[in-house]
Amino acid sequence: MEKLGEEGPNLPRPFADVVRGKIRELRISFGSNHYRFLYFFFGKKVIITHGFSKKSDRIPVGEIERAEQSMRDFLQRHERGEIEL
């Protein structure tokens, strides 16, 4: 998380990667356990949608769709003034 804060959108693989559209992944491993945090940028802010334990080579489509829905919800709520940053 610290590296993401320092380098922002320039954080390279293997630490981060673009998943689809504006959704990106932060990649963290502890031994044989692999974790992913899906996020997007809102200006200079990082908005983390959720995290999960990765069990296969590919990110499950449901996790990507969940992140996209969270991003849409966030943007709509921000536009209505329900979220202030």
N, C-alpha and C. Protein backbone atom coordinates (compact mmCIF):
# COMPACT_ATOMS: atom_id res chain seq x y z
N MET A 1 0.83 -1.19 0.00
CA MET A 1 0.00 0.00 0.00
C MET A 1 0.88 1.25 0.00
N GLU A 2 1.97 1.18 0.73
CA GLU A 2 2.87 2.33 0.80
C GLU A 2 3.44 2.66 -0.59
N LYS A 3 3.86 1.63 -1.32
CA LYS A 3 4.40 1.85 -2.67
C LYS A 3 3.35 2.48 -3.58
N LEU A 4 2.11 2.04 -3.46
CA LEU A 4 1.04 2.61 -4.27
C LEU A 4 0.86 4.09 -3.96
N GLY A 5 0.92 4.44 -2.67
CA GLY A 5 0.82 5.84 -2.28
C GLY A 5 1.97 6.68 -2.81
N GLU A 6 3.16 6.09 -2.85
CA GLU A 6 4.34 6.82 -3.31
C GLU A 6 4.37 6.97 -4.83
N GLU A 7 4.05 5.90 -5.54
CA GLU A 7 4.22 5.89 -7.00
C GLU A 7 2.94 6.11 -7.79
N GLY A 8 1.79 5.99 -7.13
CA GLY A 8 0.52 6.24 -7.80
C GLY A 8 0.34 5.38 -9.03
N PRO A 9 -0.18 5.96 -10.12
CA PRO A 9 -0.47 5.17 -11.31
C PRO A 9 0.77 4.61 -12.00
N ASN A 10 1.94 5.05 -11.59
CA ASN A 10 3.18 4.56 -12.21
C ASN A 10 3.73 3.30 -11.54
N LEU A 11 3.03 2.78 -10.54
CA LEU A 11 3.49 1.57 -9.86
C LEU A 11 3.47 0.41 -10.86
N PRO A 12 4.65 -0.19 -11.14
CA PRO A 12 4.73 -1.21 -12.19
C PRO A 12 4.42 -2.62 -11.69
N ARG A 13 4.33 -3.55 -12.65
CA ARG A 13 4.32 -4.97 -12.30
C ARG A 13 5.66 -5.29 -11.68
N PRO A 14 5.77 -6.15 -10.76
CA PRO A 14 4.77 -7.11 -10.29
C PRO A 14 3.89 -6.58 -9.16
N PHE A 15 4.03 -5.30 -8.80
CA PHE A 15 3.27 -4.75 -7.67
C PHE A 15 1.83 -4.42 -8.04
N ALA A 16 1.60 -3.95 -9.26
CA ALA A 16 0.26 -3.53 -9.69
C ALA A 16 0.10 -3.80 -11.18
N ASP A 17 -1.15 -3.81 -11.61
CA ASP A 17 -1.42 -4.02 -13.03
C ASP A 17 -2.81 -3.50 -13.34
N VAL A 18 -3.05 -3.18 -14.61
CA VAL A 18 -4.38 -2.78 -15.07
C VAL A 18 -5.20 -4.05 -15.27
N VAL A 19 -6.42 -4.06 -14.75
CA VAL A 19 -7.30 -5.23 -14.89
C VAL A 19 -8.22 -5.05 -16.09
N ARG A 20 -9.02 -3.99 -16.04
CA ARG A 20 -9.95 -3.69 -17.14
C ARG A 20 -10.42 -2.25 -16.98
N GLY A 21 -10.32 -1.48 -18.05
CA GLY A 21 -10.74 -0.09 -17.99
C GLY A 21 -9.94 0.67 -16.94
N LYS A 22 -10.63 1.29 -15.99
CA LYS A 22 -9.96 2.06 -14.94
C LYS A 22 -9.65 1.23 -13.70
N ILE A 23 -10.08 -0.03 -13.71
CA ILE A 23 -9.85 -0.90 -12.56
C ILE A 23 -8.44 -1.47 -12.63
N ARG A 24 -7.74 -1.36 -11.50
CA ARG A 24 -6.37 -1.88 -11.38
C ARG A 24 -6.31 -2.84 -10.22
N GLU A 25 -5.22 -3.60 -10.16
CA GLU A 25 -5.03 -4.51 -9.03
C GLU A 25 -3.71 -4.22 -8.34
N LEU A 26 -3.75 -4.29 -7.02
CA LEU A 26 -2.55 -4.25 -6.20
C LEU A 26 -2.27 -5.69 -5.84
N ARG A 27 -1.06 -6.16 -6.11
CA ARG A 27 -0.71 -7.57 -5.96
C ARG A 27 0.18 -7.76 -4.74
N ILE A 28 -0.29 -8.59 -3.81
CA ILE A 28 0.46 -8.85 -2.58
C ILE A 28 0.54 -10.36 -2.38
N SER A 29 1.73 -10.84 -2.03
CA SER A 29 1.92 -12.27 -1.76
C SER A 29 2.63 -12.45 -0.43
N PHE A 30 2.18 -13.44 0.32
CA PHE A 30 2.84 -13.88 1.54
C PHE A 30 3.04 -15.38 1.39
N GLY A 31 4.27 -15.80 1.13
CA GLY A 31 4.52 -17.21 0.88
C GLY A 31 3.76 -17.67 -0.35
N SER A 32 2.95 -18.71 -0.19
CA SER A 32 2.18 -19.22 -1.33
C SER A 32 0.78 -18.60 -1.41
N ASN A 33 0.48 -17.67 -0.52
CA ASN A 33 -0.83 -17.00 -0.53
C ASN A 33 -0.75 -15.72 -1.34
N HIS A 34 -1.69 -15.56 -2.27
CA HIS A 34 -1.72 -14.39 -3.15
C HIS A 34 -3.00 -13.61 -2.91
N TYR A 35 -2.84 -12.31 -2.69
CA TYR A 35 -3.98 -11.43 -2.42
C TYR A 35 -4.02 -10.34 -3.47
N ARG A 36 -5.24 -9.91 -3.79
CA ARG A 36 -5.43 -8.82 -4.73
C ARG A 36 -6.38 -7.81 -4.13
N PHE A 37 -6.04 -6.54 -4.30
CA PHE A 37 -6.91 -5.44 -3.94
C PHE A 37 -7.23 -4.70 -5.23
N LEU A 38 -8.50 -4.61 -5.56
CA LEU A 38 -8.90 -3.91 -6.78
C LEU A 38 -9.20 -2.46 -6.42
N TYR A 39 -8.78 -1.55 -7.29
CA TYR A 39 -8.90 -0.13 -6.97
C TYR A 39 -8.98 0.68 -8.25
N PHE A 40 -9.26 1.98 -8.07
CA PHE A 40 -9.22 2.93 -9.18
C PHE A 40 -8.75 4.26 -8.63
N PHE A 41 -8.34 5.13 -9.52
CA PHE A 41 -7.90 6.46 -9.12
C PHE A 41 -9.04 7.45 -9.29
N PHE A 42 -9.16 8.32 -8.30
CA PHE A 42 -10.11 9.42 -8.34
C PHE A 42 -9.29 10.68 -8.11
N GLY A 43 -8.89 11.31 -9.20
CA GLY A 43 -7.91 12.40 -9.09
C GLY A 43 -6.60 11.79 -8.61
N LYS A 44 -6.07 12.31 -7.53
CA LYS A 44 -4.83 11.76 -6.96
C LYS A 44 -5.10 10.77 -5.84
N LYS A 45 -6.36 10.48 -5.59
CA LYS A 45 -6.74 9.55 -4.52
C LYS A 45 -6.89 8.14 -5.08
N VAL A 46 -6.57 7.17 -4.23
CA VAL A 46 -6.76 5.76 -4.57
C VAL A 46 -8.02 5.29 -3.84
N ILE A 47 -8.96 4.75 -4.57
CA ILE A 47 -10.19 4.22 -3.99
C ILE A 47 -10.14 2.70 -4.14
N ILE A 48 -9.99 2.01 -3.02
CA ILE A 48 -9.94 0.54 -3.03
C ILE A 48 -11.37 0.02 -2.96
N THR A 49 -11.75 -0.79 -3.93
CA THR A 49 -13.12 -1.32 -3.95
C THR A 49 -13.26 -2.54 -3.05
N HIS A 50 -12.30 -3.44 -3.11
CA HIS A 50 -12.33 -4.62 -2.25
C HIS A 50 -11.06 -5.45 -2.47
N GLY A 51 -10.88 -6.43 -1.61
CA GLY A 51 -9.75 -7.34 -1.74
C GLY A 51 -10.22 -8.77 -1.65
N PHE A 52 -9.39 -9.68 -2.12
CA PHE A 52 -9.73 -11.10 -2.07
C PHE A 52 -8.46 -11.93 -2.17
N SER A 53 -8.59 -13.19 -1.79
CA SER A 53 -7.50 -14.16 -1.90
C SER A 53 -7.59 -14.78 -3.28
N LYS A 54 -6.50 -14.72 -4.02
CA LYS A 54 -6.49 -15.22 -5.40
C LYS A 54 -6.13 -16.71 -5.39
N LYS A 55 -6.97 -17.52 -6.02
CA LYS A 55 -6.76 -18.96 -5.99
C LYS A 55 -6.48 -19.57 -7.35
N SER A 56 -6.53 -18.74 -8.41
CA SER A 56 -6.24 -19.25 -9.75
C SER A 56 -5.40 -18.21 -10.49
N ASP A 57 -4.98 -18.55 -11.69
CA ASP A 57 -4.14 -17.63 -12.46
C ASP A 57 -4.86 -16.35 -12.86
N ARG A 58 -6.13 -16.46 -13.15
CA ARG A 58 -6.90 -15.30 -13.62
C ARG A 58 -7.76 -14.74 -12.50
N ILE A 59 -8.02 -13.45 -12.58
CA ILE A 59 -8.95 -12.83 -11.63
C ILE A 59 -10.36 -13.25 -12.04
N PRO A 60 -11.15 -13.78 -11.11
CA PRO A 60 -12.52 -14.16 -11.47
C PRO A 60 -13.31 -12.96 -12.01
N VAL A 61 -14.08 -13.19 -13.06
CA VAL A 61 -14.86 -12.13 -13.68
C VAL A 61 -15.78 -11.46 -12.66
N GLY A 62 -16.33 -12.24 -11.74
CA GLY A 62 -17.21 -11.69 -10.72
C GLY A 62 -16.52 -10.65 -9.85
N GLU A 63 -15.23 -10.84 -9.58
CA GLU A 63 -14.48 -9.86 -8.78
C GLU A 63 -14.28 -8.57 -9.56
N ILE A 64 -14.04 -8.69 -10.86
CA ILE A 64 -13.87 -7.50 -11.71
C ILE A 64 -15.19 -6.74 -11.80
N GLU A 65 -16.28 -7.46 -12.01
CA GLU A 65 -17.60 -6.82 -12.09
C GLU A 65 -17.97 -6.16 -10.78
N ARG A 66 -17.63 -6.79 -9.67
CA ARG A 66 -17.89 -6.19 -8.35
C ARG A 66 -17.14 -4.87 -8.21
N ALA A 67 -15.88 -4.83 -8.63
CA ALA A 67 -15.08 -3.60 -8.56
C ALA A 67 -15.66 -2.52 -9.46
N GLU A 68 -16.09 -2.90 -10.67
CA GLU A 68 -16.68 -1.92 -11.58
C GLU A 68 -17.97 -1.34 -11.01
N GLN A 69 -18.79 -2.19 -10.40
CA GLN A 69 -20.04 -1.72 -9.79
C GLN A 69 -19.74 -0.79 -8.62
N SER A 70 -18.75 -1.14 -7.81
CA SER A 70 -18.37 -0.28 -6.69
C SER A 70 -17.88 1.08 -7.18
N MET A 71 -17.12 1.08 -8.28
CA MET A 71 -16.64 2.34 -8.84
C MET A 71 -17.82 3.18 -9.34
N ARG A 72 -18.76 2.56 -10.05
CA ARG A 72 -19.93 3.30 -10.53
C ARG A 72 -20.73 3.88 -9.36
N ASP A 73 -20.92 3.07 -8.32
CA ASP A 73 -21.65 3.54 -7.14
C ASP A 73 -20.94 4.72 -6.49
N PHE A 74 -19.63 4.61 -6.34
CA PHE A 74 -18.84 5.69 -5.74
C PHE A 74 -18.99 6.97 -6.55
N LEU A 75 -18.83 6.89 -7.87
CA LEU A 75 -18.89 8.08 -8.72
C LEU A 75 -20.27 8.72 -8.68
N GLN A 76 -21.32 7.92 -8.67
CA GLN A 76 -22.68 8.47 -8.58
C GLN A 76 -22.90 9.15 -7.24
N ARG A 77 -22.47 8.52 -6.16
CA ARG A 77 -22.64 9.11 -4.83
C ARG A 77 -21.82 10.39 -4.70
N HIS A 78 -20.64 10.41 -5.27
CA HIS A 78 -19.82 11.62 -5.22
C HIS A 78 -20.50 12.75 -6.00
N GLU A 79 -21.03 12.41 -7.16
CA GLU A 79 -21.71 13.41 -8.00
C GLU A 79 -22.92 14.01 -7.28
N ARG A 80 -23.62 13.19 -6.49
CA ARG A 80 -24.78 13.67 -5.73
C ARG A 80 -24.38 14.41 -4.45
N GLY A 81 -23.09 14.46 -4.16
CA GLY A 81 -22.62 15.15 -2.96
C GLY A 81 -22.67 14.31 -1.70
N GLU A 82 -22.87 13.01 -1.84
CA GLU A 82 -22.95 12.13 -0.68
C GLU A 82 -21.58 11.74 -0.15
N ILE A 83 -20.55 11.91 -0.97
CA ILE A 83 -19.17 11.58 -0.59
C ILE A 83 -18.32 12.81 -0.83
N GLU A 84 -17.56 13.18 0.19
CA GLU A 84 -16.64 14.30 0.06
C GLU A 84 -15.23 13.81 0.32
N LEU A 85 -14.31 14.19 -0.52
CA LEU A 85 -12.91 13.80 -0.32
C LEU A 85 -12.05 15.03 -0.19
